PDB file of N, CA and C in Angstrom:
ATOM      1  N   UNK A   1       0.803  -0.954  -0.063  1.00  0.00           N
ATOM      2  CA  UNK A   1      -0.109   0.091  -0.099  1.00  0.00           C
ATOM      3  C   UNK A   1       0.772   1.110   0.084  1.00  0.00           C
ATOM      4  N   UNK A   2       2.118   1.183   0.619  1.00  0.00           N
ATOM      5  CA  UNK A   2       2.784   2.317   0.956  1.00  0.00           C
ATOM      6  C   UNK A   2       3.515   2.347  -0.481  1.00  0.00           C
ATOM      7  N   UNK A   3       3.634   1.429  -1.161  1.00  0.00           N
ATOM      8  CA  UNK A   3       4.428   1.724  -2.583  1.00  0.00           C
ATOM      9  C   UNK A   3       3.467   2.413  -3.500  1.00  0.00           C
ATOM     10  N   UNK A   4       2.312   2.057  -3.347  1.00  0.00           N
ATOM     11  CA  UNK A   4       1.266   2.727  -4.335  1.00  0.00           C
ATOM     12  C   UNK A   4       1.158   4.306  -3.718  1.00  0.00           C
ATOM     13  N   UNK A   5       1.169   4.529  -2.773  1.00  0.00           N
ATOM     14  CA  UNK A   5       0.980   5.909  -2.237  1.00  0.00           C
ATOM     15  C   UNK A   5       2.045   6.599  -2.955  1.00  0.00           C
ATOM     16  N   UNK A   6       3.439   6.075  -2.739  1.00  0.00           N
ATOM     17  CA  UNK A   6       4.619   6.710  -3.300  1.00  0.00           C
ATOM     18  C   UNK A   6       4.430   7.197  -4.924  1.00  0.00           C
ATOM     19  N   UNK A   7       3.817   6.097  -5.494  1.00  0.00           N
ATOM     20  CA  UNK A   7       4.178   5.897  -6.962  1.00  0.00           C
ATOM     21  C   UNK A   7       2.827   7.208  -7.045  1.00  0.00           C
ATOM     22  N   UNK A   8       1.724   7.190  -6.617  1.00  0.00           N
ATOM     23  CA  UNK A   8       0.686   8.241  -6.743  1.00  0.00           C
ATOM     24  C   UNK A   8       1.618   9.529  -6.615  1.00  0.00           C
ATOM     25  N   UNK A   9       2.200   9.906  -5.361  1.00  0.00           N
ATOM     26  CA  UNK A   9       2.468  10.976  -5.359  1.00  0.00           C
ATOM     27  C   UNK A   9       3.850  11.613  -6.297  1.00  0.00           C
ATOM     28  N   UNK A  10       4.493  10.365  -6.867  1.00  0.00           N
ATOM     29  CA  UNK A  10       5.315  10.689  -8.054  1.00  0.00           C
ATOM     30  C   UNK A  10       4.419  11.190  -9.178  1.00  0.00           C
ATOM     31  N   UNK A  11       3.478  10.575  -9.444  1.00  0.00           N
ATOM     32  CA  UNK A  11       2.626  10.780 -10.667  1.00  0.00           C
ATOM     33  C   UNK A  11       2.288  12.246 -10.666  1.00  0.00           C
ATOM     34  N   UNK A  12       1.609  12.615  -9.456  1.00  0.00           N
ATOM     35  CA  UNK A  12       1.117  13.750  -9.034  1.00  0.00           C
ATOM     36  C   UNK A  12       2.317  15.034  -9.002  1.00  0.00           C
ATOM     37  N   UNK A  13       3.329  14.771  -8.603  1.00  0.00           N
ATOM     38  CA  UNK A  13       4.459  15.682  -8.751  1.00  0.00           C
ATOM     39  C   UNK A  13       4.895  15.543 -10.264  1.00  0.00           C
ATOM     40  N   UNK A  14       4.844  14.762 -11.137  1.00  0.00           N
ATOM     41  CA  UNK A  14       5.314  14.928 -12.644  1.00  0.00           C
ATOM     42  C   UNK A  14       4.393  16.111 -13.394  1.00  0.00           C
ATOM     43  N   UNK A  15       2.873  15.534 -12.759  1.00  0.00           N
ATOM     44  CA  UNK A  15       1.713  16.522 -13.540  1.00  0.00           C
ATOM     45  C   UNK A  15       1.883  17.815 -13.288  1.00  0.00           C
ATOM     46  N   UNK A  16       2.279  18.243 -11.851  1.00  0.00           N
ATOM     47  CA  UNK A  16       2.955  19.678 -11.546  1.00  0.00           C
ATOM     48  C   UNK A  16       3.894  20.358 -12.175  1.00  0.00           C
ATOM     49  N   UNK A  17       4.680  19.391 -12.383  1.00  0.00           N
ATOM     50  CA  UNK A  17       6.224  19.866 -13.122  1.00  0.00           C
ATOM     51  C   UNK A  17       5.662  19.921 -14.681  1.00  0.00           C
ATOM     52  N   UNK A  18       4.954  19.237 -15.084  1.00  0.00           N
ATOM     53  CA  UNK A  18       4.614  19.279 -16.497  1.00  0.00           C
ATOM     54  C   UNK A  18       3.620  20.613 -16.742  1.00  0.00           C
ATOM     55  N   UNK A  19       2.822  21.073 -15.689  1.00  0.00           N
ATOM     56  CA  UNK A  19       1.998  21.989 -15.770  1.00  0.00           C
ATOM     57  C   UNK A  19       2.678  23.106 -15.541  1.00  0.00           C
ATOM     58  N   UNK A  20       3.807  23.322 -15.056  1.00  0.00           N
ATOM     59  CA  UNK A  20       4.756  24.712 -14.287  1.00  0.00           C
ATOM     60  C   UNK A  20       5.603  24.888 -15.769  1.00  0.00           C
ATOM     61  N   UNK A  21       5.969  23.715 -16.566  1.00  0.00           N
ATOM     62  CA  UNK A  21       6.714  23.906 -17.780  1.00  0.00           C
ATOM     63  C   UNK A  21       6.007  24.491 -19.020  1.00  0.00           C
ATOM     64  N   UNK A  22       4.654  23.907 -18.984  1.00  0.00           N
ATOM     65  CA  UNK A  22       3.711  24.486 -19.793  1.00  0.00           C
ATOM     66  C   UNK A  22       3.731  26.151 -19.856  1.00  0.00           C
ATOM     67  N   UNK A  23       3.849  26.737 -18.628  1.00  0.00           N
ATOM     68  CA  UNK A  23       3.294  28.116 -18.344  1.00  0.00           C
ATOM     69  C   UNK A  23       4.846  28.871 -17.713  1.00  0.00           C
ATOM     70  N   UNK A  24       5.840  28.464 -18.453  1.00  0.00           N
ATOM     71  CA  UNK A  24       6.922  29.187 -17.611  1.00  0.00           C
ATOM     72  C   UNK A  24       6.991  30.775 -18.729  1.00  0.00           C
ATOM     73  N   UNK A  25       6.714  30.718 -19.660  1.00  0.00           N
ATOM     74  CA  UNK A  25       6.665  32.295 -20.225  1.00  0.00           C
ATOM     75  C   UNK A  25       5.439  33.043 -20.226  1.00  0.00           C
ATOM     76  N   UNK A  26       4.595  32.534 -19.347  1.00  0.00           N
ATOM     77  CA  UNK A  26       3.298  33.420 -19.273  1.00  0.00           C
ATOM     78  C   UNK A  26       3.596  34.580 -17.960  1.00  0.00           C
ATOM     79  N   UNK A  27       2.758  35.438 -18.362  1.00  0.00           N
ATOM     80  CA  UNK A  27       2.780  36.912 -17.412  1.00  0.00           C
ATOM     81  C   UNK A  27       1.571  37.478 -17.171  1.00  0.00           C
ATOM     82  N   UNK A  28       1.219  37.414 -16.095  1.00  0.00           N
ATOM     83  CA  UNK A  28      -0.114  37.995 -15.638  1.00  0.00           C
ATOM     84  C   UNK A  28      -0.076  39.210 -15.044  1.00  0.00           C
ATOM     85  N   UNK A  29      -1.070  39.954 -14.793  1.00  0.00           N
ATOM     86  CA  UNK A  29      -1.217  41.348 -14.001  1.00  0.00           C
ATOM     87  C   UNK A  29      -2.111  40.991 -12.569  1.00  0.00           C
ATOM     88  N   UNK A  30      -1.724  41.411 -11.726  1.00  0.00           N
ATOM     89  CA  UNK A  30      -2.419  41.144 -10.280  1.00  0.00           C
ATOM     90  C   UNK A  30      -2.709  42.046  -9.697  1.00  0.00           C
ATOM     91  N   UNK A  31      -4.250  42.605  -9.374  1.00  0.00           N
ATOM     92  CA  UNK A  31      -4.815  43.517  -8.591  1.00  0.00           C
ATOM     93  C   UNK A  31      -4.452  42.820  -7.121  1.00  0.00           C
ATOM     94  N   UNK A  32      -3.852  43.653  -6.123  1.00  0.00           N
ATOM     95  CA  UNK A  32      -4.137  42.871  -4.850  1.00  0.00           C
ATOM     96  C   UNK A  32      -3.952  44.215  -3.768  1.00  0.00           C
ATOM     97  N   UNK A  33      -5.094  44.355  -3.028  1.00  0.00           N
ATOM     98  CA  UNK A  33      -5.186  45.381  -2.193  1.00  0.00           C
ATOM     99  C   UNK A  33      -4.876  46.743  -2.807  1.00  0.00           C
ATOM    100  N   UNK A  34      -5.574  47.224  -3.926  1.00  0.00           N
ATOM    101  CA  UNK A  34      -5.555  48.404  -4.281  1.00  0.00           C
ATOM    102  C   UNK A  34      -4.106  48.703  -5.115  1.00  0.00           C
ATOM    103  N   UNK A  35      -3.427  47.516  -5.214  1.00  0.00           N
ATOM    104  CA  UNK A  35      -2.102  47.804  -5.851  1.00  0.00           C
ATOM    105  C   UNK A  35      -1.843  46.817  -6.877  1.00  0.00           C
ATOM    106  N   UNK A  36      -1.316  47.431  -8.317  1.00  0.00           N
ATOM    107  CA  UNK A  36      -1.124  46.401  -9.229  1.00  0.00           C
ATOM    108  C   UNK A  36       0.260  46.069  -9.492  1.00  0.00           C
ATOM    109  N   UNK A  37       0.301  44.840  -9.738  1.00  0.00           N
ATOM    110  CA  UNK A  37       1.655  44.120 -10.015  1.00  0.00           C
ATOM    111  C   UNK A  37       1.635  43.932 -11.470  1.00  0.00           C
ATOM    112  N   UNK A  38       2.417  44.061 -12.407  1.00  0.00           N
ATOM    113  CA  UNK A  38       2.458  44.280 -13.636  1.00  0.00           C
ATOM    114  C   UNK A  38       3.494  42.922 -14.158  1.00  0.00           C
ATOM    115  N   UNK A  39       3.042  42.325 -15.252  1.00  0.00           N
ATOM    116  CA  UNK A  39       3.970  41.083 -15.666  1.00  0.00           C
ATOM    117  C   UNK A  39       4.587  40.155 -14.706  1.00  0.00           C
ATOM    118  N   UNK A  40       3.703  39.423 -13.778  1.00  0.00           N
ATOM    119  CA  UNK A  40       4.251  38.636 -12.672  1.00  0.00           C
ATOM    120  C   UNK A  40       4.049  37.353 -13.273  1.00  0.00           C
ATOM    121  N   UNK A  41       5.353  36.523 -13.219  1.00  0.00           N
ATOM    122  CA  UNK A  41       5.494  35.004 -13.786  1.00  0.00           C
ATOM    123  C   UNK A  41       4.365  34.012 -13.130  1.00  0.00           C
ATOM    124  N   UNK A  42       3.461  33.627 -14.075  1.00  0.00           N
ATOM    125  CA  UNK A  42       2.162  32.654 -13.637  1.00  0.00           C
ATOM    126  C   UNK A  42       2.661  31.785 -12.793  1.00  0.00           C
ATOM    127  N   UNK A  43       3.823  31.138 -12.856  1.00  0.00           N
ATOM    128  CA  UNK A  43       4.345  29.972 -11.796  1.00  0.00           C
ATOM    129  C   UNK A  43       4.657  30.392 -10.704  1.00  0.00           C
ATOM    130  N   UNK A  44       5.069  31.353 -10.588  1.00  0.00           N
ATOM    131  CA  UNK A  44       5.296  31.950  -9.015  1.00  0.00           C
ATOM    132  C   UNK A  44       3.934  32.415  -8.338  1.00  0.00           C
ATOM    133  N   UNK A  45       3.039  33.024  -9.343  1.00  0.00           N
ATOM    134  CA  UNK A  45       1.835  33.068  -8.917  1.00  0.00           C
ATOM    135  C   UNK A  45       1.360  31.871  -8.335  1.00  0.00           C
ATOM    136  N   UNK A  46       1.039  30.777  -9.031  1.00  0.00           N
ATOM    137  CA  UNK A  46       0.498  29.684  -8.647  1.00  0.00           C
ATOM    138  C   UNK A  46       1.196  29.166  -7.417  1.00  0.00           C
ATOM    139  N   UNK A  47       2.369  29.095  -7.452  1.00  0.00           N
ATOM    140  CA  UNK A  47       3.452  28.410  -6.377  1.00  0.00           C
ATOM    141  C   UNK A  47       3.124  29.445  -5.051  1.00  0.00           C
ATOM    142  N   UNK A  48       3.219  30.753  -4.963  1.00  0.00           N
ATOM    143  CA  UNK A  48       2.899  31.377  -3.936  1.00  0.00           C
ATOM    144  C   UNK A  48       1.430  31.150  -3.376  1.00  0.00           C
ATOM    145  N   UNK A  49       0.464  30.885  -3.964  1.00  0.00           N
ATOM    146  CA  UNK A  49      -1.052  30.877  -3.758  1.00  0.00           C
ATOM    147  C   UNK A  49      -1.117  29.595  -3.301  1.00  0.00           C
ATOM    148  N   UNK A  50      -0.278  28.409  -3.582  1.00  0.00           N
ATOM    149  CA  UNK A  50      -0.466  27.329  -3.238  1.00  0.00           C
ATOM    150  C   UNK A  50       0.400  27.194  -1.631  1.00  0.00           C
ATOM    151  N   UNK A  51       1.433  27.877  -1.558  1.00  0.00           N
ATOM    152  CA  UNK A  51       2.120  27.705  -0.647  1.00  0.00           C
ATOM    153  C   UNK A  51       1.234  28.508   0.626  1.00  0.00           C
ATOM    154  N   UNK A  52       0.829  29.668   0.286  1.00  0.00           N
ATOM    155  CA  UNK A  52      -0.232  30.271   1.348  1.00  0.00           C
ATOM    156  C   UNK A  52      -1.561  29.394   1.878  1.00  0.00           C
ATOM    157  N   UNK A  53      -1.935  28.795   0.825  1.00  0.00           N
ATOM    158  CA  UNK A  53      -2.959  27.883   1.188  1.00  0.00           C
ATOM    159  C   UNK A  53      -2.656  26.696   2.066  1.00  0.00           C
ATOM    160  N   UNK A  54      -1.459  25.964   1.577  1.00  0.00           N
ATOM    161  CA  UNK A  54      -1.025  25.039   2.752  1.00  0.00           C
ATOM    162  C   UNK A  54      -0.644  25.877   3.836  1.00  0.00           C
ATOM    163  N   UNK A  55      -0.107  26.553   4.144  1.00  0.00           N
ATOM    164  CA  UNK A  55       0.113  27.253   5.340  1.00  0.00           C
ATOM    165  C   UNK A  55      -1.321  27.688   6.158  1.00  0.00           C
ATOM    166  N   UNK A  56      -2.046  28.154   5.566  1.00  0.00           N
ATOM    167  CA  UNK A  56      -3.567  28.306   6.488  1.00  0.00           C
ATOM    168  C   UNK A  56      -4.020  27.205   6.298  1.00  0.00           C
ATOM    169  N   UNK A  57      -4.110  26.240   5.653  1.00  0.00           N
ATOM    170  CA  UNK A  57      -4.430  24.650   6.106  1.00  0.00           C
ATOM    171  C   UNK A  57      -4.025  24.153   7.324  1.00  0.00           C
ATOM    172  N   UNK A  58      -2.534  24.312   7.156  1.00  0.00           N
ATOM    173  CA  UNK A  58      -1.720  23.791   8.386  1.00  0.00           C
ATOM    174  C   UNK A  58      -2.231  24.401   9.646  1.00  0.00           C
ATOM    175  N   UNK A  59      -2.292  25.727   9.676  1.00  0.00           N
ATOM    176  CA  UNK A  59      -2.752  26.465  10.923  1.00  0.00           C
ATOM    177  C   UNK A  59      -4.290  25.700  11.057  1.00  0.00           C
ATOM    178  N   UNK A  60      -4.958  25.997  10.464  1.00  0.00           N
ATOM    179  CA  UNK A  60      -6.304  25.543  10.795  1.00  0.00           C
ATOM    180  C   UNK A  60      -6.456  24.000  11.513  1.00  0.00           C
ATOM    181  N   UNK A  61      -5.643  22.884  10.516  1.00  0.00           N
ATOM    182  CA  UNK A  61      -5.490  21.811  11.203  1.00  0.00           C
ATOM    183  C   UNK A  61      -4.892  21.548  12.256  1.00  0.00           C
ATOM    184  N   UNK A  62      -3.812  22.532  12.953  1.00  0.00           N
ATOM    185  CA  UNK A  62      -3.080  22.416  14.108  1.00  0.00           C
ATOM    186  C   UNK A  62      -4.128  22.740  15.270  1.00  0.00           C
ATOM    187  N   UNK A  63      -4.833  23.773  15.167  1.00  0.00           N
ATOM    188  CA  UNK A  63      -5.834  24.033  15.944  1.00  0.00           C
ATOM    189  C   UNK A  63      -6.956  22.893  16.426  1.00  0.00           C
ATOM    190  N   UNK A  64      -7.046  22.247  15.558  1.00  0.00           N
ATOM    191  CA  UNK A  64      -8.150  21.012  15.575  1.00  0.00           C
ATOM    192  C   UNK A  64      -7.115  20.003  15.907  1.00  0.00           C
ATOM    193  N   UNK A  65      -5.808  19.860  15.770  1.00  0.00           N
ATOM    194  CA  UNK A  65      -5.410  18.543  16.427  1.00  0.00           C
ATOM    195  C   UNK A  65      -4.957  19.061  18.064  1.00  0.00           C
ATOM    196  N   UNK A  66      -4.447  20.072  18.275  1.00  0.00           N
ATOM    197  CA  UNK A  66      -4.150  20.566  19.501  1.00  0.00           C
ATOM    198  C   UNK A  66      -5.601  20.448  20.577  1.00  0.00           C
ATOM    199  N   UNK A  67      -6.766  21.058  19.942  1.00  0.00           N
ATOM    200  CA  UNK A  67      -8.107  20.657  20.706  1.00  0.00           C
ATOM    201  C   UNK A  67      -8.420  19.149  21.200  1.00  0.00           C
ATOM    202  N   UNK A  68      -7.991  18.315  19.983  1.00  0.00           N
ATOM    203  CA  UNK A  68      -8.265  17.083  19.764  1.00  0.00           C
ATOM    204  C   UNK A  68      -7.156  16.426  21.336  1.00  0.00           C
ATOM    205  N   UNK A  69      -6.079  16.906  20.884  1.00  0.00           N
ATOM    206  CA  UNK A  69      -4.884  16.113  21.900  1.00  0.00           C
ATOM    207  C   UNK A  69      -5.382  16.544  23.488  1.00  0.00           C
ATOM    208  N   UNK A  70      -6.073  17.856  23.887  1.00  0.00           N
ATOM    209  CA  UNK A  70      -6.417  18.102  25.179  1.00  0.00           C
ATOM    210  C   UNK A  70      -7.686  17.494  25.393  1.00  0.00           C
ATOM    211  N   UNK A  71      -8.351  17.317  24.580  1.00  0.00           N
ATOM    212  CA  UNK A  71      -9.660  16.226  24.720  1.00  0.00           C
ATOM    213  C   UNK A  71      -9.456  14.689  25.169  1.00  0.00           C
ATOM    214  N   UNK A  72      -8.176  14.254  24.549  1.00  0.00           N
ATOM    215  CA  UNK A  72      -7.761  12.866  24.884  1.00  0.00           C
ATOM    216  C   UNK A  72      -6.938  12.888  26.342  1.00  0.00           C
ATOM    217  N   UNK A  73      -6.415  13.961  26.560  1.00  0.00           N
ATOM    218  CA  UNK A  73      -5.646  13.961  27.921  1.00  0.00           C
ATOM    219  C   UNK A  73      -6.622  14.140  29.087  1.00  0.00           C
ATOM    220  N   UNK A  74      -7.740  14.966  28.869  1.00  0.00           N
ATOM    221  CA  UNK A  74      -8.644  14.643  29.875  1.00  0.00           C
ATOM    222  C   UNK A  74      -9.453  13.846  29.941  1.00  0.00           C
ATOM    223  N   UNK A  75      -9.880  12.955  29.144  1.00  0.00           N
ATOM    224  CA  UNK A  75     -10.325  11.483  28.759  1.00  0.00           C
ATOM    225  C   UNK A  75      -9.371  10.472  29.666  1.00  0.00           C
ATOM    226  N   UNK A  76      -8.041  10.627  29.202  1.00  0.00           N
ATOM    227  CA  UNK A  76      -7.332   9.840  30.246  1.00  0.00           C
ATOM    228  C   UNK A  76      -7.107   9.919  31.438  1.00  0.00           C
ATOM    229  N   UNK A  77      -7.305  11.072  31.700  1.00  0.00           N
ATOM    230  CA  UNK A  77      -7.197  11.747  33.181  1.00  0.00           C
ATOM    231  C   UNK A  77      -8.203  10.972  33.866  1.00  0.00           C
ATOM    232  N   UNK A  78      -9.506  11.149  33.409  1.00  0.00           N
ATOM    233  CA  UNK A  78     -10.980  10.655  34.100  1.00  0.00           C
ATOM    234  C   UNK A  78     -10.601   9.032  33.895  1.00  0.00           C
ATOM    235  N   UNK A  79     -10.150   8.516  32.953  1.00  0.00           N
ATOM    236  CA  UNK A  79     -10.245   7.029  32.939  1.00  0.00           C
ATOM    237  C   UNK A  79      -9.334   6.595  34.048  1.00  0.00           C
ATOM    238  N   UNK A  80      -8.243   7.226  34.148  1.00  0.00           N
ATOM    239  CA  UNK A  80      -7.252   6.829  35.300  1.00  0.00           C
ATOM    240  C   UNK A  80      -8.119   6.882  36.769  1.00  0.00           C
ATOM    241  N   UNK A  81      -8.859   7.870  36.840  1.00  0.00           N
ATOM    242  CA  UNK A  81      -9.951   8.101  38.350  1.00  0.00           C
ATOM    243  C   UNK A  81     -10.317   7.392  38.389  1.00  0.00           C
ATOM    244  N   UNK A  82     -11.333   6.649  37.359  1.00  0.00           N
ATOM    245  CA  UNK A  82     -12.405   5.592  36.993  1.00  0.00           C
ATOM    246  C   UNK A  82     -11.574   4.479  37.760  1.00  0.00           C
ATOM    247  N   UNK A  83     -10.334   3.861  37.095  1.00  0.00           N
ATOM    248  CA  UNK A  83      -9.688   2.730  37.079  1.00  0.00           C
ATOM    249  C   UNK A  83      -9.293   2.701  38.936  1.00  0.00           C
ATOM    250  N   UNK A  84      -8.848   3.501  39.362  1.00  0.00           N
ATOM    251  CA  UNK A  84      -8.760   3.743  40.461  1.00  0.00           C
ATOM    252  C   UNK A  84      -9.823   3.522  41.569  1.00  0.00           C
ATOM    253  N   UNK A  85     -11.138   4.102  41.246  1.00  0.00           N
ATOM    254  CA  UNK A  85     -12.018   4.051  41.856  1.00  0.00           C
ATOM    255  C   UNK A  85     -12.692   2.479  41.932  1.00  0.00           C
ATOM    256  N   UNK A  86     -12.245   1.862  40.718  1.00  0.00           N
ATOM    257  CA  UNK A  86     -12.846   0.414  40.492  1.00  0.00           C
ATOM    258  C   UNK A  86     -12.096  -0.416  41.334  1.00  0.00           C
ATOM    259  N   UNK A  87     -10.822  -0.352  41.602  1.00  0.00           N
ATOM    260  CA  UNK A  87      -9.877  -1.046  42.130  1.00  0.00           C
ATOM    261  C   UNK A  87     -10.210  -1.041  43.493  1.00  0.00           C
ATOM    262  N   UNK A  88     -10.493   0.288  44.073  1.00  0.00           N
ATOM    263  CA  UNK A  88     -10.959   0.423  45.183  1.00  0.00           C
ATOM    264  C   UNK A  88     -12.083  -0.298  45.721  1.00  0.00           C
ATOM    265  N   UNK A  89     -13.133  -0.359  44.882  1.00  0.00           N
ATOM    266  CA  UNK A  89     -14.291  -1.345  45.040  1.00  0.00           C
ATOM    267  C   UNK A  89     -14.058  -2.692  44.798  1.00  0.00           C
ATOM    268  N   UNK A  90     -13.455  -2.953  44.087  1.00  0.00           N
ATOM    269  CA  UNK A  90     -12.874  -4.525  44.208  1.00  0.00           C
ATOM    270  C   UNK A  90     -12.345  -5.011  45.266  1.00  0.00           C
ATOM    271  N   UNK A  91     -11.669  -4.391  46.150  1.00  0.00           N
ATOM    272  CA  UNK A  91     -10.871  -4.503  47.357  1.00  0.00           C
ATOM    273  C   UNK A  91     -11.808  -4.417  48.542  1.00  0.00           C
ATOM    274  N   UNK A  92     -12.883  -3.743  48.107  1.00  0.00           N
ATOM    275  CA  UNK A  92     -13.673  -3.563  49.455  1.00  0.00           C
ATOM    276  C   UNK A  92     -14.403  -4.630  49.656  1.00  0.00           C
ATOM    277  N   UNK A  93     -14.816  -5.106  51.150  1.00  0.00           N
ATOM    278  CA  UNK A  93     -15.403  -6.384  51.384  1.00  0.00           C
ATOM    279  C   UNK A  93     -17.120  -5.910  51.424  1.00  0.00           C
ATOM    280  N   UNK A  94     -17.785  -7.101  51.089  1.00  0.00           N
ATOM    281  CA  UNK A  94     -19.066  -6.803  50.601  1.00  0.00           C
ATOM    282  C   UNK A  94     -19.930  -6.274  52.392  1.00  0.00           C
ATOM    283  N   UNK A  95     -19.224  -6.603  53.420  1.00  0.00           N
ATOM    284  CA  UNK A  95     -19.673  -6.150  54.738  1.00  0.00           C
ATOM    285  C   UNK A  95     -19.661  -4.692  54.865  1.00  0.00           C
ATOM    286  N   UNK A  96     -18.606  -3.997  54.085  1.00  0.00           N
ATOM    287  CA  UNK A  96     -18.108  -2.485  54.413  1.00  0.00           C
ATOM    288  C   UNK A  96     -19.105  -1.416  53.445  1.00  0.00           C
ATOM    289  N   UNK A  97     -19.707  -2.236  52.260  1.00  0.00           N
ATOM    290  CA  UNK A  97     -20.423  -1.558  51.663  1.00  0.00           C
ATOM    291  C   UNK A  97     -21.794  -1.101  52.302  1.00  0.00           C
ATOM    292  N   UNK A  98     -22.264   0.136  52.481  1.00  0.00           N
ATOM    293  CA  UNK A  98     -23.196   0.965  53.406  1.00  0.00           C
ATOM    294  C   UNK A  98     -24.840   0.286  52.431  1.00  0.00           C
ATOM    295  N   UNK A  99     -25.922   0.207  53.277  1.00  0.00           N
ATOM    296  CA  UNK A  99     -26.818  -0.374  52.634  1.00  0.00           C
ATOM    297  C   UNK A  99     -27.584   0.614  51.503  1.00  0.00           C
ATOM    298  N   UNK A 100     -27.034   1.915  52.070  1.00  0.00           N
ATOM    299  CA  UNK A 100     -27.759   2.741  50.919  1.00  0.00           C
ATOM    300  C   UNK A 100     -27.073   2.765  49.636  1.00  0.00           C
ATOM    301  N   UNK A 101     -26.630   2.281  49.417  1.00  0.00           N
ATOM    302  CA  UNK A 101     -25.491   2.047  47.760  1.00  0.00           C
ATOM    303  C   UNK A 101     -26.365   0.946  47.573  1.00  0.00           C
ATOM    304  N   UNK A 102     -26.610   0.009  48.220  1.00  0.00           N
ATOM    305  CA  UNK A 102     -27.195  -1.115  47.473  1.00  0.00           C
ATOM    306  C   UNK A 102     -28.683  -1.422  47.072  1.00  0.00           C
ATOM    307  N   UNK A 103     -29.455  -0.172  47.802  1.00  0.00           N
ATOM    308  CA  UNK A 103     -30.670  -0.416  47.700  1.00  0.00           C
ATOM    309  C   UNK A 103     -31.258   0.600  45.988  1.00  0.00           C
ATOM    310  N   UNK A 104     -32.380   0.043  45.568  1.00  0.00           N
ATOM    311  CA  UNK A 104     -32.922   0.522  44.336  1.00  0.00           C
ATOM    312  C   UNK A 104     -33.676   1.600  44.378  1.00  0.00           C
ATOM    313  N   UNK A 105     -33.466   2.701  43.663  1.00  0.00           N
ATOM    314  CA  UNK A 105     -34.219   4.105  44.173  1.00  0.00           C
ATOM    315  C   UNK A 105     -35.119   3.899  43.008  1.00  0.00           C
ATOM    316  N   UNK A 106     -36.334   4.503  43.120  1.00  0.00           N
ATOM    317  CA  UNK A 106     -37.394   4.353  41.778  1.00  0.00           C
ATOM    318  C   UNK A 106     -37.178   5.713  41.207  1.00  0.00           C
ATOM    319  N   UNK A 107     -37.378   5.558  40.096  1.00  0.00           N
ATOM    320  CA  UNK A 107     -37.170   6.994  39.442  1.00  0.00           C
ATOM    321  C   UNK A 107     -38.632   7.606  39.521  1.00  0.00           C
ATOM    322  N   UNK A 108     -38.682   8.923  39.528  1.00  0.00           N
ATOM    323  CA  UNK A 108     -39.604   9.810  39.743  1.00  0.00           C
ATOM    324  C   UNK A 108     -40.120  10.505  38.341  1.00  0.00           C
ATOM    325  N   UNK A 109     -39.114  10.075  37.300  1.00  0.00           N
ATOM    326  CA  UNK A 109     -39.452  10.745  35.812  1.00  0.00           C
ATOM    327  C   UNK A 109     -40.367   9.785  35.012  1.00  0.00           C
ATOM    328  N   UNK A 110     -40.535   8.437  35.555  1.00  0.00           N
ATOM    329  CA  UNK A 110     -41.513   7.495  35.051  1.00  0.00           C
ATOM    330  C   UNK A 110     -43.030   7.612  35.212  1.00  0.00           C
TER     331      UNK A 110
END
């Protein structure tokens, strides 16, 4: 599977290089924030646009990853707490359990 993935990215890279080579002599005019840039190489424009898009995407993805990692840390902390509680209940003898914990309470919602 990894070999197929590498082959796929090689094909994509070759297509991108072919596309860039087709547009080496193309120049465009860019209007950006009320400033006009004349005769800018199209390959540079595409590359800079792609780079800015990747950086913005990485920033958005990193915020999502950090949020997910903090949630995982909180869940692990809660899991350790519950395991400690479970181990404490396993070591508890039946005579030590209060009667109030073993009685079934009727639900008032039903």
